[in-house]
Amino acid sequence: MQTDAEMVKAVLNGEKHVFAELVRRYERLVRGVALDVLGDYHSATDVSQDAFIRAYERLAGLRKPESFGPWLMKITRRCALDSVRRRPKETPLKTTINAAIEKSNGRLDEDKQRLLAAVVKLPKPERQVVMLRYFGDNSVNDVAKILGRSTGTVTKQLSRARSRLRKILERSEK
Protein backbone atom coordinates (compact mmCIF):
# COMPACT_ATOMS: atom_id res chain seq x y z
CA MET A 1 0.00 0.00 0.00
CA GLN A 2 1.36 3.38 -1.00
CA THR A 3 1.93 6.11 1.56
CA ASP A 4 0.14 9.43 1.27
CA ALA A 5 3.42 11.09 0.28
CA GLU A 6 3.96 8.61 -2.57
CA MET A 7 0.42 9.10 -3.79
CA VAL A 8 0.68 12.90 -3.66
CA LYS A 9 3.92 12.80 -5.64
CA ALA A 10 2.30 10.49 -8.20
CA VAL A 11 -0.62 12.91 -8.66
CA LEU A 12 1.78 15.83 -9.03
CA ASN A 13 3.71 13.81 -11.63
CA GLY A 14 0.61 13.53 -13.80
CA GLU A 15 -1.04 10.36 -12.47
CA LYS A 16 -4.28 12.15 -11.69
CA HIS A 17 -6.23 8.90 -11.19
CA VAL A 18 -4.23 8.28 -7.99
CA PHE A 19 -6.12 11.14 -6.33
CA ALA A 20 -9.23 8.93 -6.40
CA GLU A 21 -7.46 6.54 -4.03
CA LEU A 22 -6.69 9.42 -1.66
CA VAL A 23 -10.38 10.32 -1.77
CA ARG A 24 -11.37 6.74 -0.92
CA ARG A 25 -8.81 6.66 1.89
CA TYR A 26 -10.05 9.88 3.52
CA GLU A 27 -13.71 10.27 2.51
CA ARG A 28 -15.21 8.98 5.78
CA LEU A 29 -12.90 11.06 7.97
CA VAL A 30 -13.45 14.18 5.87
CA ARG A 31 -17.23 13.72 6.05
CA GLY A 32 -16.93 13.17 9.82
CA VAL A 33 -15.04 16.42 10.34
CA ALA A 34 -17.56 18.30 8.20
CA LEU A 35 -20.48 16.65 10.00
CA ASP A 36 -19.05 17.61 13.37
CA VAL A 37 -18.93 21.28 12.32
CA LEU A 38 -22.20 21.39 10.38
CA GLY A 39 -24.44 18.87 12.13
CA ASP A 40 -26.18 17.98 8.87
CA TYR A 41 -25.24 14.93 6.81
CA HIS A 42 -26.18 16.36 3.42
CA SER A 43 -24.35 19.64 4.02
CA ALA A 44 -21.35 17.65 5.26
CA THR A 45 -21.35 15.60 2.06
CA ASP A 46 -21.37 18.78 -0.05
CA VAL A 47 -18.58 20.34 2.00
CA SER A 48 -16.57 17.11 1.74
CA GLN A 49 -16.70 17.33 -2.04
CA ASP A 50 -15.66 20.99 -1.89
CA ALA A 51 -12.76 20.10 0.40
CA PHE A 52 -11.45 17.43 -1.96
CA ILE A 53 -11.72 19.79 -4.93
CA ARG A 54 -9.89 22.52 -3.03
CA ALA A 55 -7.22 20.03 -1.93
CA TYR A 56 -6.74 18.82 -5.50
CA GLU A 57 -6.44 22.37 -6.82
CA ARG A 58 -3.88 23.30 -4.15
CA LEU A 59 -1.96 20.03 -4.04
CA ALA A 60 1.12 21.57 -5.65
CA GLY A 61 1.34 24.00 -2.71
CA LEU A 62 1.58 21.21 -0.12
CA ARG A 63 5.08 21.52 1.31
CA LYS A 64 5.16 18.18 3.13
CA PRO A 65 3.40 15.45 1.13
CA GLU A 66 3.59 13.15 4.18
CA SER A 67 1.25 15.61 5.95
CA PHE A 68 -1.53 15.20 3.41
CA GLY A 69 -4.07 13.86 5.97
CA PRO A 70 -3.80 16.69 8.51
CA TRP A 71 -3.61 19.23 5.68
CA LEU A 72 -6.82 17.82 4.17
CA MET A 73 -8.56 17.92 7.57
CA LYS A 74 -7.64 21.61 7.93
CA ILE A 75 -9.06 22.33 4.49
CA THR A 76 -12.23 20.41 5.38
CA ARG A 77 -12.68 22.32 8.63
CA ARG A 78 -12.20 25.65 6.83
CA CYS A 79 -14.69 24.67 4.11
CA ALA A 80 -17.22 23.66 6.76
CA LEU A 81 -16.76 26.90 8.69
CA ASP A 82 -17.11 28.88 5.45
CA SER A 83 -20.32 26.98 4.76
CA VAL A 84 -21.67 27.90 8.20
CA ARG A 85 -20.90 31.58 7.57
CA ARG A 86 -22.61 31.54 4.15
CA ARG A 87 -25.62 29.57 5.38
CA PRO A 88 -28.87 31.50 5.74
CA LYS A 89 -30.11 31.74 9.28
CA GLU A 90 -32.30 28.70 9.62
CA THR A 91 -32.48 25.75 11.93
CA PRO A 92 -30.99 22.73 10.16
CA LEU A 93 -32.39 19.29 10.60
CA LYS A 94 -29.66 17.81 12.79
CA THR A 95 -28.74 14.18 12.25
CA THR A 96 -27.07 12.78 15.29
CA ILE A 97 -24.96 9.77 15.96
CA ASN A 98 -27.50 8.71 18.59
CA ALA A 99 -30.11 8.26 15.88
CA ALA A 100 -27.69 6.13 13.88
CA ILE A 101 -27.04 3.97 16.93
CA GLU A 102 -30.73 3.46 17.60
CA LYS A 103 -31.28 2.44 13.98
CA SER A 104 -28.14 0.33 13.84
CA ASN A 105 -28.39 -2.62 11.50
CA GLY A 106 -26.30 -4.80 13.79
CA ARG A 107 -22.96 -3.73 12.40
CA LEU A 108 -21.70 -2.43 15.74
CA ASP A 109 -21.55 -4.77 18.66
CA GLU A 110 -23.06 -3.66 21.94
CA ASP A 111 -19.75 -2.45 23.45
CA LYS A 112 -18.97 -0.29 20.43
CA GLN A 113 -22.46 1.17 20.48
CA ARG A 114 -22.05 2.08 24.16
CA LEU A 115 -18.68 3.67 23.48
CA LEU A 116 -19.97 5.66 20.51
CA ALA A 117 -23.00 6.79 22.53
CA ALA A 118 -20.62 7.92 25.30
CA VAL A 119 -18.42 9.85 22.85
CA VAL A 120 -21.49 11.72 21.59
CA LYS A 121 -22.15 12.93 25.14
CA LEU A 122 -18.74 14.62 25.42
CA PRO A 123 -18.48 18.40 25.12
CA LYS A 124 -17.80 19.42 21.50
CA PRO A 125 -14.07 20.27 21.90
CA GLU A 126 -13.39 16.93 23.59
CA ARG A 127 -15.56 15.05 21.09
CA GLN A 128 -13.60 16.62 18.23
CA VAL A 129 -10.20 15.59 19.58
CA VAL A 130 -11.40 12.06 20.36
CA MET A 131 -12.89 11.62 16.89
CA LEU A 132 -9.79 12.92 15.13
CA ARG A 133 -7.32 11.09 17.37
CA TYR A 134 -8.94 7.67 17.72
CA PHE A 135 -11.46 7.40 14.88
CA GLY A 136 -9.29 9.32 12.41
CA ASP A 137 -6.05 7.72 13.58
CA ASN A 138 -4.21 11.06 13.72
CA SER A 139 -1.32 11.85 16.03
CA VAL A 140 -1.83 14.40 18.81
CA ASN A 141 0.33 16.87 16.86
CA ASP A 142 -1.80 16.35 13.75
CA VAL A 143 -5.01 16.89 15.74
CA ALA A 144 -3.55 20.11 17.14
CA LYS A 145 -2.70 21.33 13.62
CA ILE A 146 -6.11 20.39 12.23
CA LEU A 147 -7.98 22.20 14.99
CA GLY A 148 -5.55 25.12 15.33
CA ARG A 149 -4.89 24.35 18.99
CA SER A 150 -1.69 23.77 20.90
CA THR A 151 -0.48 20.22 21.47
CA GLY A 152 -0.80 20.77 25.22
CA THR A 153 -4.44 21.79 24.86
CA VAL A 154 -5.23 18.72 22.76
CA THR A 155 -3.41 16.45 25.23
CA LYS A 156 -5.39 17.94 28.14
CA GLN A 157 -8.67 17.60 26.22
CA LEU A 158 -7.92 13.95 25.44
CA SER A 159 -7.14 13.32 29.11
CA ARG A 160 -10.39 14.95 30.21
CA ALA A 161 -12.33 13.10 27.53
CA ARG A 162 -10.95 9.70 28.65
CA SER A 163 -11.87 10.53 32.24
CA ARG A 164 -15.41 11.58 31.24
CA LEU A 165 -15.81 8.50 29.04
CA ARG A 166 -14.81 6.26 31.94
CA LYS A 167 -17.46 7.90 34.16
CA ILE A 168 -20.14 7.79 31.46
CA LEU A 169 -19.46 4.12 30.75
CA GLU A 170 -19.42 3.23 34.46
CA ARG A 171 -22.80 4.91 34.91
CA SER A 172 -24.25 3.06 31.93
CA GLU A 173 -23.17 -0.31 33.37
CA LYS A 174 -25.25 0.20 36.50
C-alpha atoms as a PDB file:
ATOM      1  CA  MET A   1       0.000   0.000   0.000  1.00  0.00           C
ATOM      2  CA  GLN A   2       1.357   3.382  -0.998  1.00  0.00           C
ATOM      3  CA  THR A   3       1.925   6.112   1.559  1.00  0.00           C
ATOM      4  CA  ASP A   4       0.135   9.428   1.269  1.00  0.00           C
ATOM      5  CA  ALA A   5       3.425  11.086   0.278  1.00  0.00           C
ATOM      6  CA  GLU A   6       3.964   8.605  -2.567  1.00  0.00           C
ATOM      7  CA  MET A   7       0.416   9.102  -3.792  1.00  0.00           C
ATOM      8  CA  VAL A   8       0.678  12.903  -3.656  1.00  0.00           C
ATOM      9  CA  LYS A   9       3.921  12.804  -5.639  1.00  0.00           C
ATOM     10  CA  ALA A  10       2.298  10.487  -8.198  1.00  0.00           C
ATOM     11  CA  VAL A  11      -0.623  12.907  -8.659  1.00  0.00           C
ATOM     12  CA  LEU A  12       1.782  15.829  -9.033  1.00  0.00           C
ATOM     13  CA  ASN A  13       3.714  13.809 -11.630  1.00  0.00           C
ATOM     14  CA  GLY A  14       0.611  13.533 -13.801  1.00  0.00           C
ATOM     15  CA  GLU A  15      -1.043  10.362 -12.471  1.00  0.00           C
ATOM     16  CA  LYS A  16      -4.284  12.149 -11.687  1.00  0.00           C
ATOM     17  CA  HIS A  17      -6.234   8.895 -11.191  1.00  0.00           C
ATOM     18  CA  VAL A  18      -4.230   8.282  -7.986  1.00  0.00           C
ATOM     19  CA  PHE A  19      -6.121  11.142  -6.326  1.00  0.00           C
ATOM     20  CA  ALA A  20      -9.232   8.929  -6.402  1.00  0.00           C
ATOM     21  CA  GLU A  21      -7.460   6.538  -4.034  1.00  0.00           C
ATOM     22  CA  LEU A  22      -6.690   9.418  -1.660  1.00  0.00           C
ATOM     23  CA  VAL A  23     -10.382  10.324  -1.773  1.00  0.00           C
ATOM     24  CA  ARG A  24     -11.367   6.735  -0.919  1.00  0.00           C
ATOM     25  CA  ARG A  25      -8.814   6.665   1.888  1.00  0.00           C
ATOM     26  CA  TYR A  26     -10.055   9.880   3.521  1.00  0.00           C
ATOM     27  CA  GLU A  27     -13.711  10.270   2.512  1.00  0.00           C
ATOM     28  CA  ARG A  28     -15.205   8.980   5.785  1.00  0.00           C
ATOM     29  CA  LEU A  29     -12.901  11.059   7.972  1.00  0.00           C
ATOM     30  CA  VAL A  30     -13.449  14.178   5.867  1.00  0.00           C
ATOM     31  CA  ARG A  31     -17.228  13.717   6.053  1.00  0.00           C
ATOM     32  CA  GLY A  32     -16.934  13.165   9.823  1.00  0.00           C
ATOM     33  CA  VAL A  33     -15.037  16.422  10.342  1.00  0.00           C
ATOM     34  CA  ALA A  34     -17.559  18.299   8.198  1.00  0.00           C
ATOM     35  CA  LEU A  35     -20.482  16.648   9.997  1.00  0.00           C
ATOM     36  CA  ASP A  36     -19.050  17.611  13.369  1.00  0.00           C
ATOM     37  CA  VAL A  37     -18.932  21.283  12.324  1.00  0.00           C
ATOM     38  CA  LEU A  38     -22.200  21.391  10.381  1.00  0.00           C
ATOM     39  CA  GLY A  39     -24.441  18.875  12.135  1.00  0.00           C
ATOM     40  CA  ASP A  40     -26.177  17.976   8.871  1.00  0.00           C
ATOM     41  CA  TYR A  41     -25.235  14.928   6.807  1.00  0.00           C
ATOM     42  CA  HIS A  42     -26.176  16.363   3.418  1.00  0.00           C
ATOM     43  CA  SER A  43     -24.355  19.635   4.018  1.00  0.00           C
ATOM     44  CA  ALA A  44     -21.349  17.652   5.263  1.00  0.00           C
ATOM     45  CA  THR A  45     -21.346  15.604   2.057  1.00  0.00           C
ATOM     46  CA  ASP A  46     -21.373  18.784  -0.049  1.00  0.00           C
ATOM     47  CA  VAL A  47     -18.584  20.337   2.005  1.00  0.00           C
ATOM     48  CA  SER A  48     -16.574  17.106   1.741  1.00  0.00           C
ATOM     49  CA  GLN A  49     -16.700  17.334  -2.041  1.00  0.00           C
ATOM     50  CA  ASP A  50     -15.657  20.989  -1.890  1.00  0.00           C
ATOM     51  CA  ALA A  51     -12.756  20.103   0.403  1.00  0.00           C
ATOM     52  CA  PHE A  52     -11.455  17.428  -1.959  1.00  0.00           C
ATOM     53  CA  ILE A  53     -11.720  19.788  -4.925  1.00  0.00           C
ATOM     54  CA  ARG A  54      -9.890  22.517  -3.032  1.00  0.00           C
ATOM     55  CA  ALA A  55      -7.216  20.032  -1.931  1.00  0.00           C
ATOM     56  CA  TYR A  56      -6.743  18.820  -5.503  1.00  0.00           C
ATOM     57  CA  GLU A  57      -6.443  22.368  -6.823  1.00  0.00           C
ATOM     58  CA  ARG A  58      -3.884  23.298  -4.148  1.00  0.00           C
ATOM     59  CA  LEU A  59      -1.962  20.031  -4.036  1.00  0.00           C
ATOM     60  CA  ALA A  60       1.122  21.570  -5.654  1.00  0.00           C
ATOM     61  CA  GLY A  61       1.343  24.005  -2.713  1.00  0.00           C
ATOM     62  CA  LEU A  62       1.578  21.205  -0.120  1.00  0.00           C
ATOM     63  CA  ARG A  63       5.083  21.521   1.314  1.00  0.00           C
ATOM     64  CA  LYS A  64       5.162  18.180   3.125  1.00  0.00           C
ATOM     65  CA  PRO A  65       3.404  15.453   1.129  1.00  0.00           C
ATOM     66  CA  GLU A  66       3.588  13.146   4.176  1.00  0.00           C
ATOM     67  CA  SER A  67       1.246  15.605   5.954  1.00  0.00           C
ATOM     68  CA  PHE A  68      -1.534  15.204   3.408  1.00  0.00           C
ATOM     69  CA  GLY A  69      -4.068  13.863   5.965  1.00  0.00           C
ATOM     70  CA  PRO A  70      -3.800  16.688   8.515  1.00  0.00           C
ATOM     71  CA  TRP A  71      -3.609  19.228   5.678  1.00  0.00           C
ATOM     72  CA  LEU A  72      -6.819  17.823   4.175  1.00  0.00           C
ATOM     73  CA  MET A  73      -8.563  17.920   7.569  1.00  0.00           C
ATOM     74  CA  LYS A  74      -7.642  21.606   7.931  1.00  0.00           C
ATOM     75  CA  ILE A  75      -9.061  22.325   4.485  1.00  0.00           C
ATOM     76  CA  THR A  76     -12.229  20.415   5.380  1.00  0.00           C
ATOM     77  CA  ARG A  77     -12.678  22.322   8.627  1.00  0.00           C
ATOM     78  CA  ARG A  78     -12.204  25.646   6.833  1.00  0.00           C
ATOM     79  CA  CYS A  79     -14.687  24.669   4.112  1.00  0.00           C
ATOM     80  CA  ALA A  80     -17.223  23.663   6.762  1.00  0.00           C
ATOM     81  CA  LEU A  81     -16.764  26.905   8.694  1.00  0.00           C
ATOM     82  CA  ASP A  82     -17.106  28.879   5.446  1.00  0.00           C
ATOM     83  CA  SER A  83     -20.317  26.978   4.757  1.00  0.00           C
ATOM     84  CA  VAL A  84     -21.667  27.897   8.198  1.00  0.00           C
ATOM     85  CA  ARG A  85     -20.897  31.576   7.568  1.00  0.00           C
ATOM     86  CA  ARG A  86     -22.608  31.541   4.155  1.00  0.00           C
ATOM     87  CA  ARG A  87     -25.618  29.565   5.380  1.00  0.00           C
ATOM     88  CA  PRO A  88     -28.869  31.495   5.736  1.00  0.00           C
ATOM     89  CA  LYS A  89     -30.111  31.740   9.281  1.00  0.00           C
ATOM     90  CA  GLU A  90     -32.297  28.696   9.621  1.00  0.00           C
ATOM     91  CA  THR A  91     -32.483  25.747  11.928  1.00  0.00           C
ATOM     92  CA  PRO A  92     -30.992  22.732  10.159  1.00  0.00           C
ATOM     93  CA  LEU A  93     -32.388  19.285  10.603  1.00  0.00           C
ATOM     94  CA  LYS A  94     -29.660  17.811  12.788  1.00  0.00           C
ATOM     95  CA  THR A  95     -28.738  14.177  12.247  1.00  0.00           C
ATOM     96  CA  THR A  96     -27.071  12.777  15.294  1.00  0.00           C
ATOM     97  CA  ILE A  97     -24.957   9.770  15.962  1.00  0.00           C
ATOM     98  CA  ASN A  98     -27.503   8.709  18.588  1.00  0.00           C
ATOM     99  CA  ALA A  99     -30.107   8.257  15.876  1.00  0.00           C
ATOM    100  CA  ALA A 100     -27.688   6.132  13.882  1.00  0.00           C
ATOM    101  CA  ILE A 101     -27.038   3.969  16.932  1.00  0.00           C
ATOM    102  CA  GLU A 102     -30.735   3.465  17.602  1.00  0.00           C
ATOM    103  CA  LYS A 103     -31.280   2.443  13.978  1.00  0.00           C
ATOM    104  CA  SER A 104     -28.138   0.332  13.845  1.00  0.00           C
ATOM    105  CA  ASN A 105     -28.389  -2.616  11.505  1.00  0.00           C
ATOM    106  CA  GLY A 106     -26.298  -4.797  13.787  1.00  0.00           C
ATOM    107  CA  ARG A 107     -22.958  -3.734  12.403  1.00  0.00           C
ATOM    108  CA  LEU A 108     -21.699  -2.429  15.735  1.00  0.00           C
ATOM    109  CA  ASP A 109     -21.548  -4.773  18.657  1.00  0.00           C
ATOM    110  CA  GLU A 110     -23.058  -3.657  21.938  1.00  0.00           C
ATOM    111  CA  ASP A 111     -19.748  -2.447  23.450  1.00  0.00           C
ATOM    112  CA  LYS A 112     -18.966  -0.290  20.430  1.00  0.00           C
ATOM    113  CA  GLN A 113     -22.462   1.170  20.477  1.00  0.00           C
ATOM    114  CA  ARG A 114     -22.051   2.081  24.158  1.00  0.00           C
ATOM    115  CA  LEU A 115     -18.679   3.667  23.477  1.00  0.00           C
ATOM    116  CA  LEU A 116     -19.972   5.657  20.514  1.00  0.00           C
ATOM    117  CA  ALA A 117     -23.000   6.791  22.528  1.00  0.00           C
ATOM    118  CA  ALA A 118     -20.616   7.923  25.299  1.00  0.00           C
ATOM    119  CA  VAL A 119     -18.417   9.848  22.848  1.00  0.00           C
ATOM    120  CA  VAL A 120     -21.486  11.716  21.591  1.00  0.00           C
ATOM    121  CA  LYS A 121     -22.152  12.930  25.141  1.00  0.00           C
ATOM    122  CA  LEU A 122     -18.744  14.623  25.421  1.00  0.00           C
ATOM    123  CA  PRO A 123     -18.480  18.404  25.122  1.00  0.00           C
ATOM    124  CA  LYS A 124     -17.799  19.416  21.503  1.00  0.00           C
ATOM    125  CA  PRO A 125     -14.070  20.275  21.899  1.00  0.00           C
ATOM    126  CA  GLU A 126     -13.389  16.933  23.586  1.00  0.00           C
ATOM    127  CA  ARG A 127     -15.557  15.045  21.092  1.00  0.00           C
ATOM    128  CA  GLN A 128     -13.600  16.621  18.229  1.00  0.00           C
ATOM    129  CA  VAL A 129     -10.200  15.594  19.576  1.00  0.00           C
ATOM    130  CA  VAL A 130     -11.402  12.060  20.360  1.00  0.00           C
ATOM    131  CA  MET A 131     -12.890  11.616  16.890  1.00  0.00           C
ATOM    132  CA  LEU A 132      -9.792  12.924  15.129  1.00  0.00           C
ATOM    133  CA  ARG A 133      -7.318  11.089  17.369  1.00  0.00           C
ATOM    134  CA  TYR A 134      -8.944   7.668  17.721  1.00  0.00           C
ATOM    135  CA  PHE A 135     -11.458   7.400  14.883  1.00  0.00           C
ATOM    136  CA  GLY A 136      -9.291   9.322  12.413  1.00  0.00           C
ATOM    137  CA  ASP A 137      -6.053   7.716  13.580  1.00  0.00           C
ATOM    138  CA  ASN A 138      -4.214  11.058  13.722  1.00  0.00           C
ATOM    139  CA  SER A 139      -1.321  11.855  16.032  1.00  0.00           C
ATOM    140  CA  VAL A 140      -1.826  14.398  18.814  1.00  0.00           C
ATOM    141  CA  ASN A 141       0.329  16.873  16.861  1.00  0.00           C
ATOM    142  CA  ASP A 142      -1.800  16.353  13.748  1.00  0.00           C
ATOM    143  CA  VAL A 143      -5.009  16.888  15.735  1.00  0.00           C
ATOM    144  CA  ALA A 144      -3.554  20.112  17.140  1.00  0.00           C
ATOM    145  CA  LYS A 145      -2.697  21.331  13.623  1.00  0.00           C
ATOM    146  CA  ILE A 146      -6.114  20.388  12.227  1.00  0.00           C
ATOM    147  CA  LEU A 147      -7.979  22.201  14.994  1.00  0.00           C
ATOM    148  CA  GLY A 148      -5.551  25.123  15.329  1.00  0.00           C
ATOM    149  CA  ARG A 149      -4.893  24.352  18.990  1.00  0.00           C
ATOM    150  CA  SER A 150      -1.691  23.774  20.903  1.00  0.00           C
ATOM    151  CA  THR A 151      -0.477  20.224  21.470  1.00  0.00           C
ATOM    152  CA  GLY A 152      -0.800  20.769  25.222  1.00  0.00           C
ATOM    153  CA  THR A 153      -4.441  21.791  24.860  1.00  0.00           C
ATOM    154  CA  VAL A 154      -5.228  18.723  22.757  1.00  0.00           C
ATOM    155  CA  THR A 155      -3.406  16.448  25.233  1.00  0.00           C
ATOM    156  CA  LYS A 156      -5.387  17.936  28.135  1.00  0.00           C
ATOM    157  CA  GLN A 157      -8.675  17.601  26.218  1.00  0.00           C
ATOM    158  CA  LEU A 158      -7.918  13.950  25.442  1.00  0.00           C
ATOM    159  CA  SER A 159      -7.139  13.318  29.108  1.00  0.00           C
ATOM    160  CA  ARG A 160     -10.388  14.949  30.209  1.00  0.00           C
ATOM    161  CA  ALA A 161     -12.329  13.095  27.526  1.00  0.00           C
ATOM    162  CA  ARG A 162     -10.953   9.704  28.645  1.00  0.00           C
ATOM    163  CA  SER A 163     -11.870  10.535  32.245  1.00  0.00           C
ATOM    164  CA  ARG A 164     -15.409  11.581  31.245  1.00  0.00           C
ATOM    165  CA  LEU A 165     -15.809   8.501  29.039  1.00  0.00           C
ATOM    166  CA  ARG A 166     -14.809   6.265  31.941  1.00  0.00           C
ATOM    167  CA  LYS A 167     -17.462   7.897  34.155  1.00  0.00           C
ATOM    168  CA  ILE A 168     -20.145   7.788  31.457  1.00  0.00           C
ATOM    169  CA  LEU A 169     -19.464   4.115  30.749  1.00  0.00           C
ATOM    170  CA  GLU A 170     -19.417   3.228  34.458  1.00  0.00           C
ATOM    171  CA  ARG A 171     -22.802   4.906  34.912  1.00  0.00           C
ATOM    172  CA  SER A 172     -24.250   3.064  31.927  1.00  0.00           C
ATOM    173  CA  GLU A 173     -23.171  -0.313  33.367  1.00  0.00           C
ATOM    174  CA  LYS A 174     -25.253   0.200  36.504  1.00  0.00           C
END
